[in-house]
Amino acid sequence: MIFVFKTSVKTKKQIKKLKPHIDKILRKSKWNFDLEDCDKILRIDHEEHEALEIIDLLKIHKFHCEELE
């Protein structure tokens, strides 16, 4: 399934900082940020719904994150 999140992540440097933490939660899953989008979209292709863990992770790192429907 594809899950989509609106975030406040703005730079590749920020993504690089988050990468090991996201990879730990989403083992063997595909994910990417679209920094060109006005909502700074995080797309996740994952079998399980891990929204709360992803939202909490970004909040810990001082980023806004909310799942879009």
PDB file of N, CA and C in Angstrom:
ATOM      1  N   MET A   1       0.833  -1.182   0.000  1.00  0.00           N
ATOM      2  CA  MET A   1       0.000   0.000   0.000  1.00  0.00           C
ATOM      3  C   MET A   1       0.880   1.248   0.000  1.00  0.00           C
ATOM      4  N   ILE A   2       0.322   2.315  -0.514  1.00  0.00           N
ATOM      5  CA  ILE A   2       1.006   3.601  -0.520  1.00  0.00           C
ATOM      6  C   ILE A   2       0.371   4.488   0.547  1.00  0.00           C
ATOM      7  N   PHE A   3       1.208   5.048   1.399  1.00  0.00           N
ATOM      8  CA  PHE A   3       0.770   5.976   2.431  1.00  0.00           C
ATOM      9  C   PHE A   3       1.401   7.330   2.138  1.00  0.00           C
ATOM     10  N   VAL A   4       0.649   8.389   2.340  1.00  0.00           N
ATOM     11  CA  VAL A   4       1.105   9.739   1.996  1.00  0.00           C
ATOM     12  C   VAL A   4       0.975  10.642   3.212  1.00  0.00           C
ATOM     13  N   PHE A   5       2.050  11.397   3.466  1.00  0.00           N
ATOM     14  CA  PHE A   5       2.096  12.288   4.616  1.00  0.00           C
ATOM     15  C   PHE A   5       2.498  13.691   4.186  1.00  0.00           C
ATOM     16  N   LYS A   6       1.878  14.672   4.777  1.00  0.00           N
ATOM     17  CA  LYS A   6       2.270  16.071   4.631  1.00  0.00           C
ATOM     18  C   LYS A   6       3.289  16.337   5.736  1.00  0.00           C
ATOM     19  N   THR A   7       4.438  16.940   5.383  1.00  0.00           N
ATOM     20  CA  THR A   7       5.483  17.171   6.382  1.00  0.00           C
ATOM     21  C   THR A   7       6.016  18.600   6.296  1.00  0.00           C
ATOM     22  N   SER A   8       6.886  18.913   7.231  1.00  0.00           N
ATOM     23  CA  SER A   8       7.570  20.203   7.206  1.00  0.00           C
ATOM     24  C   SER A   8       9.056  20.039   6.866  1.00  0.00           C
ATOM     25  N   VAL A   9       9.438  18.874   6.378  1.00  0.00           N
ATOM     26  CA  VAL A   9      10.822  18.622   5.966  1.00  0.00           C
ATOM     27  C   VAL A   9      11.084  19.447   4.709  1.00  0.00           C
ATOM     28  N   LYS A  10      12.185  20.202   4.701  1.00  0.00           N
ATOM     29  CA  LYS A  10      12.420  21.130   3.599  1.00  0.00           C
ATOM     30  C   LYS A  10      13.705  20.895   2.814  1.00  0.00           C
ATOM     31  N   THR A  11      14.657  20.154   3.383  1.00  0.00           N
ATOM     32  CA  THR A  11      15.948  20.032   2.709  1.00  0.00           C
ATOM     33  C   THR A  11      16.425  18.582   2.631  1.00  0.00           C
ATOM     34  N   LYS A  12      17.336  18.351   1.695  1.00  0.00           N
ATOM     35  CA  LYS A  12      17.943  17.025   1.574  1.00  0.00           C
ATOM     36  C   LYS A  12      18.773  16.695   2.803  1.00  0.00           C
ATOM     37  N   LYS A  13      19.346  17.700   3.406  1.00  0.00           N
ATOM     38  CA  LYS A  13      20.128  17.495   4.631  1.00  0.00           C
ATOM     39  C   LYS A  13      19.236  16.952   5.748  1.00  0.00           C
ATOM     40  N   GLN A  14      18.029  17.473   5.855  1.00  0.00           N
ATOM     41  CA  GLN A  14      17.084  16.984   6.857  1.00  0.00           C
ATOM     42  C   GLN A  14      16.678  15.539   6.561  1.00  0.00           C
ATOM     43  N   ILE A  15      16.478  15.239   5.292  1.00  0.00           N
ATOM     44  CA  ILE A  15      16.126  13.868   4.903  1.00  0.00           C
ATOM     45  C   ILE A  15      17.254  12.915   5.278  1.00  0.00           C
ATOM     46  N   LYS A  16      18.478  13.331   5.008  1.00  0.00           N
ATOM     47  CA  LYS A  16      19.644  12.501   5.326  1.00  0.00           C
ATOM     48  C   LYS A  16      19.702  12.200   6.824  1.00  0.00           C
ATOM     49  N   LYS A  17      19.352  13.172   7.646  1.00  0.00           N
ATOM     50  CA  LYS A  17      19.332  12.989   9.098  1.00  0.00           C
ATOM     51  C   LYS A  17      18.243  11.990   9.518  1.00  0.00           C
ATOM     52  N   LEU A  18      17.100  12.033   8.834  1.00  0.00           N
ATOM     53  CA  LEU A  18      15.980  11.159   9.166  1.00  0.00           C
ATOM     54  C   LEU A  18      16.118   9.744   8.609  1.00  0.00           C
ATOM     55  N   LYS A  19      16.874   9.599   7.532  1.00  0.00           N
ATOM     56  CA  LYS A  19      16.944   8.336   6.797  1.00  0.00           C
ATOM     57  C   LYS A  19      17.203   7.099   7.672  1.00  0.00           C
ATOM     58  N   PRO A  20      18.225   7.085   8.515  1.00  0.00           N
ATOM     59  CA  PRO A  20      18.448   5.854   9.300  1.00  0.00           C
ATOM     60  C   PRO A  20      17.289   5.512  10.227  1.00  0.00           C
ATOM     61  N   HIS A  21      16.622   6.521  10.719  1.00  0.00           N
ATOM     62  CA  HIS A  21      15.491   6.294  11.628  1.00  0.00           C
ATOM     63  C   HIS A  21      14.270   5.760  10.876  1.00  0.00           C
ATOM     64  N   ILE A  22      14.020   6.328   9.696  1.00  0.00           N
ATOM     65  CA  ILE A  22      12.903   5.847   8.878  1.00  0.00           C
ATOM     66  C   ILE A  22      13.181   4.427   8.398  1.00  0.00           C
ATOM     67  N   ASP A  23      14.416   4.187   7.959  1.00  0.00           N
ATOM     68  CA  ASP A  23      14.779   2.844   7.499  1.00  0.00           C
ATOM     69  C   ASP A  23      14.604   1.793   8.596  1.00  0.00           C
ATOM     70  N   LYS A  24      14.850   2.181   9.828  1.00  0.00           N
ATOM     71  CA  LYS A  24      14.695   1.243  10.945  1.00  0.00           C
ATOM     72  C   LYS A  24      13.232   0.843  11.131  1.00  0.00           C
ATOM     73  N   ILE A  25      12.328   1.780  10.949  1.00  0.00           N
ATOM     74  CA  ILE A  25      10.894   1.502  11.074  1.00  0.00           C
ATOM     75  C   ILE A  25      10.366   0.767   9.846  1.00  0.00           C
ATOM     76  N   LEU A  26      10.821   1.192   8.673  1.00  0.00           N
ATOM     77  CA  LEU A  26      10.281   0.676   7.403  1.00  0.00           C
ATOM     78  C   LEU A  26      11.281  -0.244   6.711  1.00  0.00           C
ATOM     79  N   ARG A  27      11.713  -1.252   7.383  1.00  0.00           N
ATOM     80  CA  ARG A  27      12.698  -2.175   6.817  1.00  0.00           C
ATOM     81  C   ARG A  27      12.227  -2.716   5.471  1.00  0.00           C
ATOM     82  N   LYS A  28      13.113  -2.640   4.492  1.00  0.00           N
ATOM     83  CA  LYS A  28      12.874  -3.175   3.145  1.00  0.00           C
ATOM     84  C   LYS A  28      11.669  -2.547   2.449  1.00  0.00           C
ATOM     85  N   SER A  29      11.320  -1.349   2.810  1.00  0.00           N
ATOM     86  CA  SER A  29      10.215  -0.654   2.154  1.00  0.00           C
ATOM     87  C   SER A  29      10.746   0.530   1.376  1.00  0.00           C
ATOM     88  N   LYS A  30       9.996   0.949   0.384  1.00  0.00           N
ATOM     89  CA  LYS A  30      10.373   2.118  -0.404  1.00  0.00           C
ATOM     90  C   LYS A  30       9.690   3.347   0.169  1.00  0.00           C
ATOM     91  N   TRP A  31      10.441   4.445   0.252  1.00  0.00           N
ATOM     92  CA  TRP A  31       9.879   5.703   0.717  1.00  0.00           C
ATOM     93  C   TRP A  31      10.667   6.837   0.091  1.00  0.00           C
ATOM     94  N   ASN A  32      10.013   7.982  -0.053  1.00  0.00           N
ATOM     95  CA  ASN A  32      10.714   9.160  -0.567  1.00  0.00           C
ATOM     96  C   ASN A  32       9.962  10.427  -0.187  1.00  0.00           C
ATOM     97  N   PHE A  33      10.706  11.515  -0.181  1.00  0.00           N
ATOM     98  CA  PHE A  33      10.136  12.838   0.042  1.00  0.00           C
ATOM     99  C   PHE A  33      10.038  13.554  -1.291  1.00  0.00           C
ATOM    100  N   ASP A  34       8.973  14.309  -1.483  1.00  0.00           N
ATOM    101  CA  ASP A  34       8.831  15.184  -2.642  1.00  0.00           C
ATOM    102  C   ASP A  34       8.931  16.617  -2.127  1.00  0.00           C
ATOM    103  N   LEU A  35      10.146  17.151  -2.151  1.00  0.00           N
ATOM    104  CA  LEU A  35      10.378  18.503  -1.641  1.00  0.00           C
ATOM    105  C   LEU A  35       9.862  19.578  -2.585  1.00  0.00           C
ATOM    106  N   GLU A  36       9.558  19.208  -3.818  1.00  0.00           N
ATOM    107  CA  GLU A  36       9.008  20.151  -4.792  1.00  0.00           C
ATOM    108  C   GLU A  36       7.526  20.430  -4.520  1.00  0.00           C
ATOM    109  N   ASP A  37       6.861  19.488  -3.910  1.00  0.00           N
ATOM    110  CA  ASP A  37       5.443  19.639  -3.590  1.00  0.00           C
ATOM    111  C   ASP A  37       5.278  20.653  -2.456  1.00  0.00           C
ATOM    112  N   CYS A  38       4.233  21.441  -2.509  1.00  0.00           N
ATOM    113  CA  CYS A  38       4.016  22.459  -1.470  1.00  0.00           C
ATOM    114  C   CYS A  38       3.802  21.846  -0.095  1.00  0.00           C
ATOM    115  N   ASP A  39       3.373  20.577  -0.032  1.00  0.00           N
ATOM    116  CA  ASP A  39       3.145  19.893   1.240  1.00  0.00           C
ATOM    117  C   ASP A  39       4.337  19.047   1.683  1.00  0.00           C
ATOM    118  N   LYS A  40       5.443  19.118   0.940  1.00  0.00           N
ATOM    119  CA  LYS A  40       6.657  18.355   1.287  1.00  0.00           C
ATOM    120  C   LYS A  40       6.304  16.902   1.610  1.00  0.00           C
ATOM    121  N   ILE A  41       5.726  16.264   0.630  1.00  0.00           N
ATOM    122  CA  ILE A  41       5.125  14.941   0.767  1.00  0.00           C
ATOM    123  C   ILE A  41       6.152  13.844   1.063  1.00  0.00           C
ATOM    124  N   LEU A  42       5.795  12.997   2.002  1.00  0.00           N
ATOM    125  CA  LEU A  42       6.511  11.748   2.250  1.00  0.00           C
ATOM    126  C   LEU A  42       5.605  10.625   1.773  1.00  0.00           C
ATOM    127  N   ARG A  43       6.089   9.843   0.802  1.00  0.00           N
ATOM    128  CA  ARG A  43       5.332   8.692   0.293  1.00  0.00           C
ATOM    129  C   ARG A  43       6.022   7.424   0.767  1.00  0.00           C
ATOM    130  N   ILE A  44       5.218   6.505   1.250  1.00  0.00           N
ATOM    131  CA  ILE A  44       5.742   5.244   1.769  1.00  0.00           C
ATOM    132  C   ILE A  44       4.998   4.098   1.104  1.00  0.00           C
ATOM    133  N   ASP A  45       5.760   3.160   0.534  1.00  0.00           N
ATOM    134  CA  ASP A  45       5.207   1.932  -0.025  1.00  0.00           C
ATOM    135  C   ASP A  45       5.548   0.822   0.962  1.00  0.00           C
ATOM    136  N   HIS A  46       4.542   0.434   1.752  1.00  0.00           N
ATOM    137  CA  HIS A  46       4.787  -0.495   2.857  1.00  0.00           C
ATOM    138  C   HIS A  46       3.560  -1.369   3.050  1.00  0.00           C
ATOM    139  N   GLU A  47       3.775  -2.617   3.447  1.00  0.00           N
ATOM    140  CA  GLU A  47       2.663  -3.548   3.632  1.00  0.00           C
ATOM    141  C   GLU A  47       1.809  -3.213   4.847  1.00  0.00           C
ATOM    142  N   GLU A  48       2.428  -2.686   5.885  1.00  0.00           N
ATOM    143  CA  GLU A  48       1.700  -2.399   7.115  1.00  0.00           C
ATOM    144  C   GLU A  48       1.530  -0.898   7.303  1.00  0.00           C
ATOM    145  N   HIS A  49       0.524  -0.544   8.043  1.00  0.00           N
ATOM    146  CA  HIS A  49       0.252   0.859   8.336  1.00  0.00           C
ATOM    147  C   HIS A  49       1.094   1.265   9.541  1.00  0.00           C
ATOM    148  N   GLU A  50       2.094   2.104   9.325  1.00  0.00           N
ATOM    149  CA  GLU A  50       3.013   2.537  10.378  1.00  0.00           C
ATOM    150  C   GLU A  50       2.892   4.041  10.620  1.00  0.00           C
ATOM    151  N   ALA A  51       1.723   4.604  10.364  1.00  0.00           N
ATOM    152  CA  ALA A  51       1.544   6.054  10.420  1.00  0.00           C
ATOM    153  C   ALA A  51       1.941   6.649  11.769  1.00  0.00           C
ATOM    154  N   LEU A  52       1.485   6.057  12.846  1.00  0.00           N
ATOM    155  CA  LEU A  52       1.780   6.629  14.162  1.00  0.00           C
ATOM    156  C   LEU A  52       3.270   6.640  14.458  1.00  0.00           C
ATOM    157  N   GLU A  53       3.965   5.593  14.078  1.00  0.00           N
ATOM    158  CA  GLU A  53       5.406   5.548  14.304  1.00  0.00           C
ATOM    159  C   GLU A  53       6.130   6.606  13.478  1.00  0.00           C
ATOM    160  N   ILE A  54       5.714   6.787  12.233  1.00  0.00           N
ATOM    161  CA  ILE A  54       6.344   7.792  11.362  1.00  0.00           C
ATOM    162  C   ILE A  54       6.043   9.199  11.879  1.00  0.00           C
ATOM    163  N   ILE A  55       4.805   9.449  12.235  1.00  0.00           N
ATOM    164  CA  ILE A  55       4.425  10.770  12.760  1.00  0.00           C
ATOM    165  C   ILE A  55       5.204  11.064  14.034  1.00  0.00           C
ATOM    166  N   ASP A  56       5.278  10.100  14.935  1.00  0.00           N
ATOM    167  CA  ASP A  56       6.022  10.290  16.184  1.00  0.00           C
ATOM    168  C   ASP A  56       7.503  10.529  15.915  1.00  0.00           C
ATOM    169  N   LEU A  57       8.070   9.777  14.993  1.00  0.00           N
ATOM    170  CA  LEU A  57       9.479   9.947  14.652  1.00  0.00           C
ATOM    171  C   LEU A  57       9.767  11.361  14.167  1.00  0.00           C
ATOM    172  N   LEU A  58       8.963  11.856  13.245  1.00  0.00           N
ATOM    173  CA  LEU A  58       9.187  13.203  12.732  1.00  0.00           C
ATOM    174  C   LEU A  58       8.970  14.252  13.816  1.00  0.00           C
ATOM    175  N   LYS A  59       7.986  14.045  14.674  1.00  0.00           N
ATOM    176  CA  LYS A  59       7.756  14.990  15.771  1.00  0.00           C
ATOM    177  C   LYS A  59       8.947  15.029  16.731  1.00  0.00           C
ATOM    178  N   ILE A  60       9.536  13.881  17.015  1.00  0.00           N
ATOM    179  CA  ILE A  60      10.721  13.823  17.873  1.00  0.00           C
ATOM    180  C   ILE A  60      11.842  14.684  17.288  1.00  0.00           C
ATOM    181  N   HIS A  61      11.914  14.693  15.966  1.00  0.00           N
ATOM    182  CA  HIS A  61      12.954  15.458  15.270  1.00  0.00           C
ATOM    183  C   HIS A  61      12.480  16.862  14.895  1.00  0.00           C
ATOM    184  N   LYS A  62      11.388  17.294  15.522  1.00  0.00           N
ATOM    185  CA  LYS A  62      10.870  18.673  15.406  1.00  0.00           C
ATOM    186  C   LYS A  62      10.275  19.003  14.028  1.00  0.00           C
ATOM    187  N   PHE A  63       9.703  17.997  13.376  1.00  0.00           N
ATOM    188  CA  PHE A  63       9.025  18.214  12.104  1.00  0.00           C
ATOM    189  C   PHE A  63       7.538  17.951  12.268  1.00  0.00           C
ATOM    190  N   HIS A  64       6.752  18.687  11.506  1.00  0.00           N
ATOM    191  CA  HIS A  64       5.314  18.432  11.440  1.00  0.00           C
ATOM    192  C   HIS A  64       5.101  17.263  10.485  1.00  0.00           C
ATOM    193  N   CYS A  65       4.141  16.403  10.801  1.00  0.00           N
ATOM    194  CA  CYS A  65       3.824  15.274   9.927  1.00  0.00           C
ATOM    195  C   CYS A  65       2.386  14.870  10.177  1.00  0.00           C
ATOM    196  N   GLU A  66       1.620  14.775   9.095  1.00  0.00           N
ATOM    197  CA  GLU A  66       0.244  14.283   9.213  1.00  0.00           C
ATOM    198  C   GLU A  66      -0.091  13.442   7.995  1.00  0.00           C
ATOM    199  N   GLU A  67      -0.829  12.387   8.233  1.00  0.00           N
ATOM    200  CA  GLU A  67      -1.210  11.495   7.133  1.00  0.00           C
ATOM    201  C   GLU A  67      -2.316  12.138   6.330  1.00  0.00           C
ATOM    202  N   LEU A  68      -2.197  12.047   5.008  1.00  0.00           N
ATOM    203  CA  LEU A  68      -3.233  12.523   4.099  1.00  0.00           C
ATOM    204  C   LEU A  68      -4.070  11.348   3.632  1.00  0.00           C
ATOM    205  N   GLU A  69      -5.329  11.624   3.367  1.00  0.00           N
ATOM    206  CA  GLU A  69      -6.218  10.545   2.920  1.00  0.00           C
ATOM    207  C   GLU A  69      -6.525  10.662   1.457  1.00  0.00           C
TER     208      GLU A  69
END
